[in-house]
Amino acid sequence: MQNTSPFGKGPHSGGYQDPPPPSGPGGGGMQLAMPSLTPITKKLLILNGGIFAFSFLLWLVFPAAVSDFFFNVLGLETRIWQDWFPVVPVWQLLTHGFLHSMVSPTHILWNMIQLYFFGTMLEGILGSRRFLTTYLAAMVCGALLHLVVETATGNSASVIGASGAVLGIVVATATLRPHARVFVLFIPVSMWLLASVIVAIDVMSALRNLKMGSSDGVAHWVHLGGALWGFATVRLGWIQMDWVERFRARRVAAATKSRLDDDHNMDRLLEKIHREGMNSLTKSERAFLKRVSSRR
């Protein structure tokens, strides 16, 4: 995630696996392996890469127009949120996470490397739908924390990049599988240690920026907002919920209740008609009868 300069200094990623079971003398050891792409992670990689390639080509031809549209309209433009509140461009909470710097390819490169390794790991644990929900929710939480802090400190830095969502995935994975080992520059470290170091760097950098009243060009509060969601959603048990299925189940339950209520009211009206005739119905009862009859 960045304001106007490249994100990060290098990848915090590599192959991963859970700690191997104890073995006797001469037993196996840790094996370096590249994870297989999972469906949603693959789609996110393609989507981010495709948007970057498209925007880069447009930027080569129309640099000013691309900067105005892609970054002021689709990026998280903090000043607009501050000036327009409460009528704000809510789409930016998501669209900013699919844009990356066109002057520094390392911005998208490191984000996608981390998404590849940790996204496949978490999606393998949660399943595709819950993984995507976690990814998007971390993106939104990172954006919201950035807006709150920037407004509270009197700043208005704008943001693009998937780093908040990616760090949310890293922290959620580390919270679920703290003792899983990953390779950083071919050195095996536990997930909890890796995530702790990344978050600690962001915390110190954010506090340093506040102290000095300047910015290093990296949206640390976006990172921390995503990380906070990644940790909280696991600790609170939300990550195990299938929100899409819960929404569908509630809609089905509401539709079933509505149909039962209609059937009950229809029986009541038919009895009234049998006793008193059609002319006894009120205007609202006639409208209800017409609606239910047409549905059937």
Protein backbone atom coordinates (compact mmCIF):
# COMPACT_ATOMS: atom_id res chain seq x y z
CA MET A 1 0.00 0.00 0.00
CA GLN A 2 1.40 3.38 -0.84
CA ASN A 3 0.63 7.04 -1.00
CA THR A 4 2.89 8.24 -3.77
CA SER A 5 6.03 6.12 -3.48
CA PRO A 6 6.87 2.39 -3.85
CA PHE A 7 5.57 0.03 -1.18
CA GLY A 8 7.87 -1.95 1.02
CA LYS A 9 11.49 -2.88 0.83
CA GLY A 10 11.15 -6.54 -0.14
CA PRO A 11 8.98 -9.66 0.10
CA HIS A 12 8.05 -11.25 3.40
CA SER A 13 7.07 -14.53 1.80
CA GLY A 14 8.06 -17.93 0.59
CA GLY A 15 6.98 -21.56 0.58
CA TYR A 16 5.14 -22.77 3.64
CA GLN A 17 4.19 -25.89 5.51
CA ASP A 18 3.06 -26.94 8.95
CA PRO A 19 5.72 -28.29 11.32
CA PRO A 20 6.49 -31.93 10.43
CA PRO A 21 5.60 -34.64 12.91
CA PRO A 22 8.44 -36.03 15.06
CA SER A 23 10.45 -38.70 13.33
CA GLY A 24 13.14 -41.14 14.30
CA PRO A 25 16.79 -40.99 13.34
CA GLY A 26 17.18 -40.38 9.67
CA GLY A 27 13.57 -39.15 9.39
CA GLY A 28 12.45 -36.53 6.94
CA GLY A 29 12.94 -32.81 7.31
CA MET A 30 11.37 -29.62 6.08
CA GLN A 31 10.80 -29.46 2.35
CA LEU A 32 10.65 -26.25 0.36
CA ALA A 33 7.56 -26.34 -1.85
CA MET A 34 5.66 -23.88 -4.02
CA PRO A 35 1.96 -23.91 -3.15
CA SER A 36 -0.65 -24.66 -5.80
CA LEU A 37 -2.86 -21.74 -6.73
CA THR A 38 -6.32 -21.76 -5.19
CA PRO A 39 -9.33 -20.43 -7.17
CA ILE A 40 -9.95 -17.00 -5.58
CA THR A 41 -6.26 -16.24 -5.07
CA LYS A 42 -5.69 -17.01 -8.74
CA LYS A 43 -8.54 -14.70 -9.77
CA LEU A 44 -7.24 -11.91 -7.52
CA LEU A 45 -3.76 -12.23 -8.99
CA ILE A 46 -5.13 -12.09 -12.53
CA LEU A 47 -7.44 -9.17 -11.71
CA ASN A 48 -4.72 -7.11 -10.06
CA GLY A 49 -2.23 -7.90 -12.79
CA GLY A 50 -4.72 -7.14 -15.55
CA ILE A 51 -5.75 -3.80 -14.03
CA PHE A 52 -2.10 -2.86 -13.57
CA ALA A 53 -1.20 -3.73 -17.17
CA PHE A 54 -4.23 -1.87 -18.55
CA SER A 55 -3.68 1.24 -16.44
CA PHE A 56 0.05 1.23 -17.20
CA LEU A 57 -0.57 1.20 -20.96
CA LEU A 58 -3.12 3.99 -20.66
CA TRP A 59 -0.77 5.96 -18.44
CA LEU A 60 1.94 5.82 -21.10
CA VAL A 61 -0.41 7.56 -23.56
CA PHE A 62 -2.63 9.68 -21.28
CA PRO A 63 -0.67 10.21 -18.04
CA ALA A 64 -2.73 13.14 -16.73
CA ALA A 65 -6.12 11.58 -17.47
CA VAL A 66 -5.13 8.27 -15.90
CA SER A 67 -3.78 9.98 -12.81
CA ASP A 68 -7.00 11.97 -12.40
CA PHE A 69 -9.37 9.06 -12.92
CA PHE A 70 -7.59 6.00 -11.58
CA PHE A 71 -6.19 7.69 -8.52
CA ASN A 72 -8.59 10.53 -7.72
CA VAL A 73 -11.80 8.70 -8.58
CA LEU A 74 -10.94 5.05 -7.91
CA GLY A 75 -8.11 5.49 -5.41
CA LEU A 76 -8.82 6.33 -1.78
CA GLU A 77 -8.85 10.13 -2.12
CA THR A 78 -8.82 11.23 1.52
CA ARG A 79 -9.45 14.92 0.84
CA ILE A 80 -12.71 14.11 -0.97
CA TRP A 81 -13.90 12.09 2.03
CA GLN A 82 -13.06 14.97 4.35
CA ASP A 83 -14.65 17.67 2.18
CA TRP A 84 -17.73 15.75 1.06
CA PHE A 85 -18.65 13.90 4.26
CA PRO A 86 -21.21 12.40 4.73
CA VAL A 87 -21.80 12.14 0.96
CA VAL A 88 -18.64 10.19 0.15
CA PRO A 89 -17.40 7.92 -2.68
CA VAL A 90 -17.86 4.65 -0.79
CA TRP A 91 -16.67 2.60 -3.77
CA GLN A 92 -13.14 3.82 -3.06
CA LEU A 93 -13.03 1.58 0.02
CA LEU A 94 -12.68 -1.33 -2.41
CA THR A 95 -11.46 0.09 -5.71
CA HIS A 96 -8.29 1.56 -4.16
CA GLY A 97 -7.13 -1.97 -3.36
CA PHE A 98 -6.94 -2.95 -7.02
CA LEU A 99 -4.73 -0.07 -8.16
CA HIS A 100 -0.94 0.05 -7.91
CA SER A 101 1.82 2.49 -8.70
CA MET A 102 2.74 2.66 -12.37
CA VAL A 103 6.14 4.23 -11.77
CA SER A 104 7.33 1.43 -9.49
CA PRO A 105 6.47 -2.17 -10.49
CA THR A 106 7.79 -3.38 -7.13
CA HIS A 107 4.60 -2.03 -5.53
CA ILE A 108 2.37 -4.62 -7.20
CA LEU A 109 5.13 -7.24 -7.29
CA TRP A 110 5.57 -7.54 -3.51
CA ASN A 111 1.84 -7.41 -2.89
CA MET A 112 1.18 -10.20 -5.36
CA ILE A 113 4.05 -12.33 -4.03
CA GLN A 114 2.58 -12.16 -0.55
CA LEU A 115 -0.94 -12.75 -1.86
CA TYR A 116 0.26 -15.83 -3.76
CA PHE A 117 1.93 -17.51 -0.79
CA PHE A 118 -0.36 -16.52 2.06
CA GLY A 119 -3.57 -16.29 0.05
CA THR A 120 -3.25 -19.89 -1.13
CA MET A 121 -2.52 -20.97 2.43
CA LEU A 122 -5.51 -19.20 3.98
CA GLU A 123 -7.89 -20.10 1.17
CA GLY A 124 -6.90 -23.73 1.63
CA ILE A 125 -7.90 -23.44 5.30
CA LEU A 126 -11.12 -21.44 4.93
CA GLY A 127 -12.47 -22.22 1.50
CA SER A 128 -12.88 -19.71 -1.29
CA ARG A 129 -15.94 -17.77 -0.17
CA ARG A 130 -14.80 -17.11 3.40
CA PHE A 131 -11.31 -16.26 2.15
CA LEU A 132 -12.66 -13.63 -0.24
CA THR A 133 -14.83 -12.15 2.50
CA THR A 134 -11.79 -11.88 4.77
CA TYR A 135 -9.69 -10.30 2.03
CA LEU A 136 -12.26 -7.63 1.13
CA ALA A 137 -13.13 -6.89 4.76
CA ALA A 138 -9.44 -6.34 5.58
CA MET A 139 -9.21 -3.99 2.60
CA VAL A 140 -12.16 -1.92 3.83
CA CYS A 141 -10.94 -1.85 7.46
CA GLY A 142 -7.51 -0.67 6.36
CA ALA A 143 -9.07 2.15 4.33
CA LEU A 144 -11.34 3.22 7.20
CA LEU A 145 -8.50 3.35 9.75
CA HIS A 146 -6.42 5.41 7.32
CA LEU A 147 -9.28 7.88 6.85
CA VAL A 148 -9.83 8.21 10.60
CA VAL A 149 -6.15 8.78 11.42
CA GLU A 150 -5.55 11.17 8.52
CA THR A 151 -8.57 13.24 9.49
CA ALA A 152 -7.64 13.25 13.19
CA THR A 153 -4.09 14.40 12.42
CA GLY A 154 -5.12 17.03 9.87
CA ASN A 155 -3.55 15.21 6.93
CA SER A 156 -5.07 14.04 3.67
CA ALA A 157 -2.74 11.52 2.05
CA SER A 158 -4.36 9.43 -0.69
CA VAL A 159 -3.90 5.69 -0.98
CA ILE A 160 -3.70 2.95 -3.59
CA GLY A 161 -2.69 -0.69 -3.31
CA ALA A 162 -3.70 -4.09 -1.93
CA SER A 163 -1.33 -4.05 1.04
CA GLY A 164 -4.05 -3.62 3.69
CA ALA A 165 -5.94 -6.64 2.39
CA VAL A 166 -2.75 -8.66 1.98
CA LEU A 167 -1.52 -7.93 5.50
CA GLY A 168 -4.95 -8.86 6.81
CA ILE A 169 -4.51 -12.24 5.12
CA VAL A 170 -1.01 -12.66 6.55
CA VAL A 171 -2.14 -11.87 10.11
CA ALA A 172 -5.28 -14.02 9.87
CA THR A 173 -3.15 -16.93 8.67
CA ALA A 174 -0.65 -16.39 11.47
CA THR A 175 -3.45 -16.26 14.05
CA LEU A 176 -4.97 -19.48 12.75
CA ARG A 177 -1.68 -21.31 12.20
CA PRO A 178 0.89 -19.59 14.45
CA HIS A 179 3.37 -22.50 14.36
CA ALA A 180 3.26 -23.08 10.60
CA ARG A 181 6.67 -22.35 9.13
CA VAL A 182 7.40 -20.14 6.14
CA PHE A 183 10.63 -19.44 4.33
CA VAL A 184 12.04 -15.91 4.30
CA LEU A 185 15.16 -15.78 2.14
CA PHE A 186 15.32 -19.58 2.58
CA ILE A 187 15.30 -19.25 6.38
CA PRO A 188 12.36 -21.04 8.08
CA VAL A 189 10.44 -18.90 10.57
CA SER A 190 7.08 -19.40 12.28
CA MET A 191 4.05 -17.56 10.99
CA TRP A 192 3.47 -15.73 14.28
CA LEU A 193 7.04 -14.39 14.27
CA LEU A 194 6.85 -13.24 10.66
CA ALA A 195 3.51 -11.50 11.18
CA SER A 196 4.69 -9.94 14.45
CA VAL A 197 7.78 -8.47 12.80
CA ILE A 198 5.81 -7.05 9.86
CA VAL A 199 3.19 -5.48 12.14
CA ALA A 200 5.85 -4.13 14.51
CA ILE A 201 7.64 -2.42 11.61
CA ASP A 202 4.38 -0.78 10.53
CA VAL A 203 3.58 0.33 14.09
CA MET A 204 7.01 1.89 14.59
CA SER A 205 6.95 3.53 11.16
CA ALA A 206 3.45 4.95 11.73
CA LEU A 207 4.43 6.34 15.14
CA ARG A 208 7.62 7.80 13.72
CA ASN A 209 5.64 9.58 11.02
CA LEU A 210 3.27 10.99 13.64
CA LYS A 211 6.19 12.19 15.76
CA MET A 212 8.02 13.82 12.86
CA GLY A 213 4.89 15.18 11.21
CA SER A 214 5.97 13.76 7.86
CA SER A 215 5.29 10.72 5.70
CA ASP A 216 7.61 8.08 4.27
CA GLY A 217 5.19 7.47 1.39
CA VAL A 218 3.83 4.20 2.81
CA ALA A 219 0.26 3.96 4.12
CA HIS A 220 1.10 2.23 7.40
CA TRP A 221 -2.35 2.85 8.91
CA VAL A 222 -3.93 0.97 6.01
CA HIS A 223 -1.61 -1.94 6.76
CA LEU A 224 -2.47 -1.83 10.46
CA GLY A 225 -6.21 -1.62 9.79
CA GLY A 226 -6.01 -4.73 7.62
CA ALA A 227 -3.86 -6.49 10.21
CA LEU A 228 -6.30 -5.58 12.98
CA TRP A 229 -9.17 -7.11 11.03
CA GLY A 230 -7.14 -10.24 10.28
CA PHE A 231 -6.46 -10.74 13.98
CA ALA A 232 -9.93 -9.80 15.25
CA THR A 233 -11.88 -11.89 12.76
CA VAL A 234 -10.04 -15.01 13.90
CA ARG A 235 -10.17 -14.27 17.63
CA LEU A 236 -13.88 -13.43 17.51
CA GLY A 237 -14.72 -16.45 15.39
CA TRP A 238 -16.10 -14.37 12.53
CA ILE A 239 -13.70 -15.89 10.04
CA GLN A 240 -15.49 -19.24 10.29
CA MET A 241 -18.85 -17.71 9.38
CA ASP A 242 -20.07 -17.96 5.82
CA TRP A 243 -21.69 -14.53 5.58
CA VAL A 244 -23.04 -15.16 2.08
CA GLU A 245 -24.76 -18.36 3.19
CA ARG A 246 -26.08 -16.67 6.33
CA PHE A 247 -27.55 -13.90 4.17
CA ARG A 248 -29.14 -16.44 1.84
CA ALA A 249 -30.54 -18.42 4.77
CA ARG A 250 -32.08 -15.29 6.26
CA ARG A 251 -33.65 -14.39 2.94
CA VAL A 252 -35.09 -17.90 2.61
CA ALA A 253 -36.39 -17.76 6.18
CA ALA A 254 -37.96 -14.33 5.59
CA ALA A 255 -39.55 -15.48 2.33
CA THR A 256 -40.92 -18.62 4.02
CA LYS A 257 -42.38 -16.58 6.88
CA SER A 258 -43.92 -14.12 4.42
CA ARG A 259 -45.53 -16.96 2.47
CA LEU A 260 -46.92 -18.55 5.65
CA ASP A 261 -48.32 -15.20 6.74
CA ASP A 262 -49.92 -14.72 3.32
CA ASP A 263 -51.45 -18.19 3.48
CA HIS A 264 -52.86 -17.47 6.94
CA ASN A 265 -54.33 -14.14 5.82
CA MET A 266 -55.73 -15.74 2.68
CA ASP A 267 -57.53 -18.39 4.73
CA ARG A 268 -58.97 -15.64 6.93
CA LEU A 269 -60.20 -13.65 3.90
CA LEU A 270 -61.76 -16.72 2.28
CA GLU A 271 -63.67 -17.38 5.46
CA LYS A 272 -64.84 -13.75 5.52
CA ILE A 273 -65.93 -13.96 1.89
CA HIS A 274 -67.81 -17.19 2.61
CA ARG A 275 -69.61 -15.56 5.55
CA GLU A 276 -70.18 -12.01 4.31
CA GLY A 277 -69.53 -11.99 0.56
CA MET A 278 -66.99 -10.12 -1.61
CA ASN A 279 -68.52 -6.73 -0.90
CA SER A 280 -67.45 -7.00 2.73
CA LEU A 281 -63.73 -6.75 1.85
CA THR A 282 -61.88 -3.51 2.52
CA LYS A 283 -59.69 -1.82 -0.09
CA SER A 284 -56.50 -3.19 1.48
CA GLU A 285 -57.98 -6.70 1.69
CA ARG A 286 -58.92 -6.57 -2.00
CA ALA A 287 -55.36 -5.44 -2.88
CA PHE A 288 -53.93 -8.28 -0.81
CA LEU A 289 -56.26 -10.80 -2.45
CA LYS A 290 -55.26 -9.57 -5.90
CA ARG A 291 -51.54 -9.72 -5.08
CA VAL A 292 -51.63 -13.23 -3.63
CA SER A 293 -53.92 -14.54 -6.39
CA SER A 294 -51.57 -13.24 -9.11
CA ARG A 295 -48.60 -14.82 -7.32
CA ARG A 296 -50.28 -18.17 -7.26
